[in-house]
């Protein structure tokens, strides 16, 4: 599944539009439009980042107006661990 998803992204055209509010609390709303190579119709992926959670609508598996929620509580600690040490 992972290899198929990676191949899908590597061979696709990706466009996005949205907006971000950086002052606390951080909030981002975006719509990614993914057009696989040779496909007639694109895949539209709305994403919302709010309150340390990412909400993602996957049209292939999510009912209309239903989002998958992914907690991002540990995201900051992951970024800090990956930062180069001086």
Protein backbone atom coordinates (compact mmCIF):
# COMPACT_ATOMS: atom_id res chain seq x y z
CA UNK A 1 0.00 0.00 0.00
CA UNK A 2 2.80 2.42 0.91
CA UNK A 3 4.65 1.74 -2.34
CA UNK A 4 1.46 2.31 -4.34
CA UNK A 5 0.81 5.63 -2.56
CA UNK A 6 4.39 6.75 -3.10
CA UNK A 7 4.19 5.87 -6.81
CA UNK A 8 0.89 7.77 -7.04
CA UNK A 9 2.48 10.93 -5.62
CA UNK A 10 5.70 10.62 -7.64
CA UNK A 11 3.84 10.41 -10.94
CA UNK A 12 1.23 13.07 -10.20
CA UNK A 13 0.71 16.77 -10.59
CA UNK A 14 -0.02 18.37 -7.22
CA UNK A 15 -1.68 21.76 -6.78
CA UNK A 16 -2.81 23.37 -3.57
CA UNK A 17 -4.54 26.45 -2.31
CA UNK A 18 -5.33 27.55 1.18
CA UNK A 19 -4.44 29.82 4.05
CA UNK A 20 -2.50 29.73 7.29
CA UNK A 21 -2.80 31.66 10.54
CA UNK A 22 0.54 31.48 12.39
CA UNK A 23 -0.21 33.33 15.63
CA UNK A 24 -1.30 30.94 18.38
CA UNK A 25 -3.42 28.95 17.91
CA UNK A 26 -1.93 27.88 14.59
CA UNK A 27 -4.54 26.98 11.98
CA UNK A 28 -4.20 25.88 8.37
CA UNK A 29 -6.84 25.10 5.79
CA UNK A 30 -5.81 23.76 2.40
CA UNK A 31 -7.16 21.84 -0.53
CA UNK A 32 -4.69 19.63 -2.38
CA UNK A 33 -5.60 18.56 -5.91
CA UNK A 34 -3.71 15.47 -6.98
CA UNK A 35 -3.86 14.45 -10.65
CA UNK A 36 -2.22 11.07 -11.29
CA UNK A 37 -0.28 10.70 -14.54
CA UNK A 38 -2.71 9.70 -17.29
CA UNK A 39 -5.81 10.24 -15.14
CA UNK A 40 -8.83 12.08 -16.44
CA UNK A 41 -10.13 13.38 -13.12
CA UNK A 42 -8.15 14.66 -10.11
CA UNK A 43 -8.33 13.57 -6.48
CA UNK A 44 -9.26 16.48 -4.17
CA UNK A 45 -7.97 16.26 -0.59
CA UNK A 46 -9.22 18.92 1.86
CA UNK A 47 -7.02 19.25 4.97
CA UNK A 48 -7.49 21.26 8.18
CA UNK A 49 -4.86 21.69 10.92
CA UNK A 50 -6.39 22.94 14.16
CA UNK A 51 -5.81 22.41 17.90
CA UNK A 52 -2.84 20.04 17.31
CA UNK A 53 -4.98 17.82 15.11
CA UNK A 54 -5.01 17.20 11.38
CA UNK A 55 -8.39 16.57 9.76
CA UNK A 56 -8.23 14.91 6.34
CA UNK A 57 -11.02 14.00 3.97
CA UNK A 58 -10.22 11.02 1.74
CA UNK A 59 -12.97 10.83 -0.90
CA UNK A 60 -12.22 7.19 -1.73
CA UNK A 61 -12.89 5.98 1.83
CA UNK A 62 -14.63 8.80 3.75
CA UNK A 63 -18.34 9.59 3.45
CA UNK A 64 -19.21 13.12 2.31
CA UNK A 65 -18.39 15.73 4.96
CA UNK A 66 -16.62 13.16 7.18
CA UNK A 67 -12.96 13.69 8.09
CA UNK A 68 -10.28 11.44 9.52
CA UNK A 69 -8.60 13.01 12.58
CA UNK A 70 -4.90 12.48 13.26
CA UNK A 71 -3.54 13.83 16.57
CA UNK A 72 -0.38 15.92 16.23
CA UNK A 73 0.55 16.26 19.92
CA UNK A 74 3.96 14.67 19.36
CA UNK A 75 4.69 16.48 16.09
CA UNK A 76 6.68 19.27 17.78
CA UNK A 77 8.85 16.79 19.69
CA UNK A 78 9.53 14.93 16.43
CA UNK A 79 10.63 18.17 14.73
CA UNK A 80 12.87 19.02 17.70
CA UNK A 81 14.46 15.54 17.66
CA UNK A 82 15.18 15.87 13.91
CA UNK A 83 16.73 19.34 14.24
CA UNK A 84 20.51 19.40 13.81
CA UNK A 85 22.44 19.90 17.03
CA UNK A 86 25.08 22.64 17.08
